[in-house]
Every structure is written in structure tokens, then in C-alpha cells.
Amino acid sequence: MTEISPKRVLMGKLVHGSDLIESLNEICRSESVTLGRVEALGTVQKARLGYYNQKSHAYEFHDFDQAMEIASLSGNVSLKDGEAFVHAHVTLTDRQGKAIGGHLAPGAIIFACEYVIHAFDGPAHERGFDATTGLPLWKD
């Protein structure tokens, strides 16, 4: 466990037509946020979500080529390979209100999106390969 303190909060609107996860990563990198929490609401033109197969230790990606609401996006910011890295999961709803969710992958294209990034003071969490899960998890 690591004790952290609030540092600052960034709020804004992401650019129409840009990639959702890449946009969040770019903001964190440009604003030097290396420890934080991310949330967002809005809509996407299409999406790409991942499901981590625990047996094969590989992500399975699913593409959704339709407009959807971002009902919830929640994630964290840490360091991966020395750079700010956003790890986020998202719940999306379709026109009928049916929900899908998973690991947010590059390929989710923004229609409209508002975000909040909570930056924290404290030692940055560094991601590294975890042999048990095959995932890039926070190092102890």
C-alpha cells in the first residue's frame, strides 16, 4: 500500500474524431501526470474493447462499429516504460440501452467526451511484467 495525496484536478473536453485512450495518455504526458485517476463521460463513434483471457494470457479484442454512449470510464495513471500510461475500463451502451464493457483499447473514436483527471502526489507506480498473470501490473 502507498499513501498518496491529492495534487490537482484537470478537466476538459477531448477532440472530436480522436482516439479516446491515446488522447488521455497524451494529456497525462503533456501535463506530467504520472500518478492519478481518470474518469470520463460522453459518446464514441466506434469502439475497441479488450477481454483478458486468463488461460492464454492474451487479450482478445472486440470491435464495435457503431455509435455508443460512454456510461462510465474509470482508470488509473502510472508509469509504463518510463512514460505516463492510462489503464482504463469502460462501459458503453447502445441505442437500445444494452451495455458492453471491458478494457479500453486504441480504436475507440470520440464523438464527444468530457474527462476528469485527478493527479496525486506520491511515488509513481511503475508497471512491469507479472509472471503469474502475464500482465504489466504495478511493481511491489
C-alpha atoms as a PDB file:
ATOM      1  CA  MET A   1       0.000   0.000   0.000  1.00  0.00           C
ATOM      2  CA  THR A   2       1.165   3.505  -0.837  1.00  0.00           C
ATOM      3  CA  GLU A   3      -0.122   6.675   0.772  1.00  0.00           C
ATOM      4  CA  ILE A   4      -0.816   9.457  -1.698  1.00  0.00           C
ATOM      5  CA  SER A   5      -2.199  12.991  -1.512  1.00  0.00           C
ATOM      6  CA  PRO A   6      -4.346  15.000  -3.923  1.00  0.00           C
ATOM      7  CA  LYS A   7      -2.252  17.292  -6.107  1.00  0.00           C
ATOM      8  CA  ARG A   8      -4.507  18.825  -8.767  1.00  0.00           C
ATOM      9  CA  VAL A   9      -7.542  18.097 -10.915  1.00  0.00           C
ATOM     10  CA  LEU A  10      -7.649  18.532 -14.690  1.00  0.00           C
ATOM     11  CA  MET A  11     -10.987  18.784 -16.513  1.00  0.00           C
ATOM     12  CA  GLY A  12     -11.665  19.199 -20.172  1.00  0.00           C
ATOM     13  CA  LYS A  13     -13.192  18.114 -23.437  1.00  0.00           C
ATOM     14  CA  LEU A  14     -11.471  15.722 -25.832  1.00  0.00           C
ATOM     15  CA  VAL A  15     -11.222  16.392 -29.567  1.00  0.00           C
ATOM     16  CA  HIS A  16     -13.971  15.014 -31.839  1.00  0.00           C
ATOM     17  CA  GLY A  17     -12.603  12.220 -34.057  1.00  0.00           C
ATOM     18  CA  SER A  18      -9.543  11.468 -31.928  1.00  0.00           C
ATOM     19  CA  ASP A  19      -8.698   8.196 -30.211  1.00  0.00           C
ATOM     20  CA  LEU A  20     -10.037   8.056 -26.644  1.00  0.00           C
ATOM     21  CA  ILE A  21      -7.224   6.215 -24.819  1.00  0.00           C
ATOM     22  CA  GLU A  22      -4.470   7.914 -26.817  1.00  0.00           C
ATOM     23  CA  SER A  23      -5.962  11.339 -26.046  1.00  0.00           C
ATOM     24  CA  LEU A  24      -5.997  10.583 -22.311  1.00  0.00           C
ATOM     25  CA  ASN A  25      -2.407   9.315 -22.494  1.00  0.00           C
ATOM     26  CA  GLU A  26      -1.304  12.469 -24.317  1.00  0.00           C
ATOM     27  CA  ILE A  27      -2.880  14.760 -21.718  1.00  0.00           C
ATOM     28  CA  CYS A  28      -1.183  12.875 -18.884  1.00  0.00           C
ATOM     29  CA  ARG A  29       2.165  13.001 -20.665  1.00  0.00           C
ATOM     30  CA  SER A  30       1.934  16.679 -21.584  1.00  0.00           C
ATOM     31  CA  GLU A  31       0.767  17.636 -18.070  1.00  0.00           C
ATOM     32  CA  SER A  32       3.351  15.366 -16.334  1.00  0.00           C
ATOM     33  CA  VAL A  33       0.672  13.306 -14.577  1.00  0.00           C
ATOM     34  CA  THR A  34       2.378  10.035 -13.594  1.00  0.00           C
ATOM     35  CA  LEU A  35       0.131   9.047 -10.686  1.00  0.00           C
ATOM     36  CA  GLY A  36      -3.586   9.554 -10.881  1.00  0.00           C
ATOM     37  CA  ARG A  37      -7.175   8.544 -11.544  1.00  0.00           C
ATOM     38  CA  VAL A  38      -9.192   9.107 -14.734  1.00  0.00           C
ATOM     39  CA  GLU A  39     -12.917   9.268 -15.396  1.00  0.00           C
ATOM     40  CA  ALA A  40     -14.901  10.299 -18.464  1.00  0.00           C
ATOM     41  CA  LEU A  41     -18.388  10.522 -19.972  1.00  0.00           C
ATOM     42  CA  GLY A  42     -19.615  11.117 -23.497  1.00  0.00           C
ATOM     43  CA  THR A  43     -20.098   9.225 -26.722  1.00  0.00           C
ATOM     44  CA  VAL A  44     -17.947   7.330 -29.208  1.00  0.00           C
ATOM     45  CA  GLN A  45     -18.396   6.794 -32.934  1.00  0.00           C
ATOM     46  CA  LYS A  46     -16.969   3.278 -32.616  1.00  0.00           C
ATOM     47  CA  ALA A  47     -15.023   1.336 -30.028  1.00  0.00           C
ATOM     48  CA  ARG A  48     -12.443  -1.374 -29.452  1.00  0.00           C
ATOM     49  CA  LEU A  49     -12.555  -3.257 -26.158  1.00  0.00           C
ATOM     50  CA  GLY A  50     -10.361  -5.983 -24.784  1.00  0.00           C
ATOM     51  CA  TYR A  51     -11.051  -9.051 -22.685  1.00  0.00           C
ATOM     52  CA  TYR A  52      -8.046 -10.664 -20.993  1.00  0.00           C
ATOM     53  CA  ASN A  53      -8.074 -14.429 -21.441  1.00  0.00           C
ATOM     54  CA  GLN A  54      -6.601 -15.749 -18.197  1.00  0.00           C
ATOM     55  CA  LYS A  55      -5.711 -19.146 -19.694  1.00  0.00           C
ATOM     56  CA  SER A  56      -3.862 -17.928 -22.778  1.00  0.00           C
ATOM     57  CA  HIS A  57      -2.517 -14.755 -21.078  1.00  0.00           C
ATOM     58  CA  ALA A  58      -3.561 -12.702 -24.096  1.00  0.00           C
ATOM     59  CA  TYR A  59      -6.112 -10.005 -24.829  1.00  0.00           C
ATOM     60  CA  GLU A  60      -8.999 -10.792 -27.138  1.00  0.00           C
ATOM     61  CA  PHE A  61     -10.202  -7.614 -28.848  1.00  0.00           C
ATOM     62  CA  HIS A  62     -13.725  -6.837 -29.996  1.00  0.00           C
ATOM     63  CA  ASP A  63     -14.599  -4.027 -32.394  1.00  0.00           C
ATOM     64  CA  PHE A  64     -17.936  -2.230 -32.256  1.00  0.00           C
ATOM     65  CA  ASP A  65     -18.570  -0.156 -35.375  1.00  0.00           C
ATOM     66  CA  GLN A  66     -21.488   1.854 -34.029  1.00  0.00           C
ATOM     67  CA  ALA A  67     -22.223   4.978 -32.025  1.00  0.00           C
ATOM     68  CA  MET A  68     -22.417   4.343 -28.266  1.00  0.00           C
ATOM     69  CA  GLU A  69     -22.708   6.277 -25.028  1.00  0.00           C
ATOM     70  CA  ILE A  70     -19.862   6.193 -22.517  1.00  0.00           C
ATOM     71  CA  ALA A  71     -21.876   5.275 -19.432  1.00  0.00           C
ATOM     72  CA  SER A  72     -18.716   5.055 -17.346  1.00  0.00           C
ATOM     73  CA  LEU A  73     -14.974   5.221 -17.883  1.00  0.00           C
ATOM     74  CA  SER A  74     -12.702   4.576 -14.936  1.00  0.00           C
ATOM     75  CA  GLY A  75      -8.953   4.177 -14.884  1.00  0.00           C
ATOM     76  CA  ASN A  76      -5.634   4.972 -13.327  1.00  0.00           C
ATOM     77  CA  VAL A  77      -2.395   6.625 -14.364  1.00  0.00           C
ATOM     78  CA  SER A  78       1.003   5.148 -13.647  1.00  0.00           C
ATOM     79  CA  LEU A  79       4.327   4.693 -15.451  1.00  0.00           C
ATOM     80  CA  LYS A  80       4.969   2.108 -18.144  1.00  0.00           C
ATOM     81  CA  ASP A  81       8.343   2.048 -19.865  1.00  0.00           C
ATOM     82  CA  GLY A  82       9.114   5.402 -18.221  1.00  0.00           C
ATOM     83  CA  GLU A  83       6.051   7.222 -19.635  1.00  0.00           C
ATOM     84  CA  ALA A  84       2.652   8.154 -18.236  1.00  0.00           C
ATOM     85  CA  PHE A  85       0.225   5.350 -19.052  1.00  0.00           C
ATOM     86  CA  VAL A  86      -3.561   5.285 -18.639  1.00  0.00           C
ATOM     87  CA  HIS A  87      -5.142   1.914 -17.875  1.00  0.00           C
ATOM     88  CA  ALA A  88      -8.911   2.240 -18.246  1.00  0.00           C
ATOM     89  CA  HIS A  89     -12.053   0.150 -18.414  1.00  0.00           C
ATOM     90  CA  VAL A  90     -15.233   1.429 -19.971  1.00  0.00           C
ATOM     91  CA  THR A  91     -18.935   0.619 -20.013  1.00  0.00           C
ATOM     92  CA  LEU A  92     -20.702   1.569 -23.234  1.00  0.00           C
ATOM     93  CA  THR A  93     -24.407   1.463 -24.071  1.00  0.00           C
ATOM     94  CA  ASP A  94     -26.004   1.073 -27.471  1.00  0.00           C
ATOM     95  CA  ARG A  95     -29.160   2.627 -28.893  1.00  0.00           C
ATOM     96  CA  GLN A  96     -31.371   0.121 -27.054  1.00  0.00           C
ATOM     97  CA  GLY A  97     -29.574   0.703 -23.746  1.00  0.00           C
ATOM     98  CA  LYS A  98     -27.708  -2.613 -23.799  1.00  0.00           C
ATOM     99  CA  ALA A  99     -24.353  -2.384 -22.074  1.00  0.00           C
ATOM    100  CA  ILE A 100     -20.968  -3.788 -23.026  1.00  0.00           C
ATOM    101  CA  GLY A 101     -17.724  -3.227 -21.255  1.00  0.00           C
ATOM    102  CA  GLY A 102     -14.078  -4.089 -20.973  1.00  0.00           C
ATOM    103  CA  HIS A 103     -10.518  -2.903 -21.261  1.00  0.00           C
ATOM    104  CA  LEU A 104     -10.359   0.311 -23.306  1.00  0.00           C
ATOM    105  CA  ALA A 105      -8.081  -0.238 -26.307  1.00  0.00           C
ATOM    106  CA  PRO A 106      -6.884   2.071 -29.060  1.00  0.00           C
ATOM    107  CA  GLY A 107      -9.594   2.319 -31.693  1.00  0.00           C
ATOM    108  CA  ALA A 108     -12.366   3.958 -29.675  1.00  0.00           C
ATOM    109  CA  ILE A 109     -13.048   7.124 -31.668  1.00  0.00           C
ATOM    110  CA  ILE A 110     -14.547  10.109 -29.853  1.00  0.00           C
ATOM    111  CA  PHE A 111     -17.766  11.814 -30.880  1.00  0.00           C
ATOM    112  CA  ALA A 112     -17.916  13.915 -27.693  1.00  0.00           C
ATOM    113  CA  CYS A 113     -16.133  13.309 -24.404  1.00  0.00           C
ATOM    114  CA  GLU A 114     -15.556  15.177 -21.138  1.00  0.00           C
ATOM    115  CA  TYR A 115     -12.864  13.964 -18.763  1.00  0.00           C
ATOM    116  CA  VAL A 116     -11.593  14.492 -15.239  1.00  0.00           C
ATOM    117  CA  ILE A 117      -8.038  13.532 -14.267  1.00  0.00           C
ATOM    118  CA  HIS A 118      -7.140  13.545 -10.580  1.00  0.00           C
ATOM    119  CA  ALA A 119      -3.366  13.884 -10.224  1.00  0.00           C
ATOM    120  CA  PHE A 120      -1.784  12.685  -6.977  1.00  0.00           C
ATOM    121  CA  ASP A 121       1.418  13.435  -5.078  1.00  0.00           C
ATOM    122  CA  GLY A 122       3.358  10.363  -4.078  1.00  0.00           C
ATOM    123  CA  PRO A 123       5.757   7.841  -5.524  1.00  0.00           C
ATOM    124  CA  ALA A 124       4.768   6.894  -9.068  1.00  0.00           C
ATOM    125  CA  HIS A 125       3.627   3.315  -9.580  1.00  0.00           C
ATOM    126  CA  GLU A 126       5.747   1.617 -12.252  1.00  0.00           C
ATOM    127  CA  ARG A 127       4.280  -1.162 -14.393  1.00  0.00           C
ATOM    128  CA  GLY A 128       6.286  -4.281 -15.078  1.00  0.00           C
ATOM    129  CA  PHE A 129       5.708  -7.800 -16.322  1.00  0.00           C
ATOM    130  CA  ASP A 130       3.966 -10.055 -13.791  1.00  0.00           C
ATOM    131  CA  ALA A 131       4.869 -13.698 -14.468  1.00  0.00           C
ATOM    132  CA  THR A 132       1.800 -15.099 -12.679  1.00  0.00           C
ATOM    133  CA  THR A 133      -0.759 -13.210 -14.783  1.00  0.00           C
ATOM    134  CA  GLY A 134       1.229 -12.237 -17.878  1.00  0.00           C
ATOM    135  CA  LEU A 135       0.062  -8.641 -17.388  1.00  0.00           C
ATOM    136  CA  PRO A 136       2.033  -5.400 -16.947  1.00  0.00           C
ATOM    137  CA  LEU A 137       0.986  -4.788 -13.330  1.00  0.00           C
ATOM    138  CA  TRP A 138       2.229  -2.364 -10.714  1.00  0.00           C
ATOM    139  CA  LYS A 139       5.537  -3.481  -9.248  1.00  0.00           C
ATOM    140  CA  ASP A 140       5.665  -4.113  -5.499  1.00  0.00           C
END
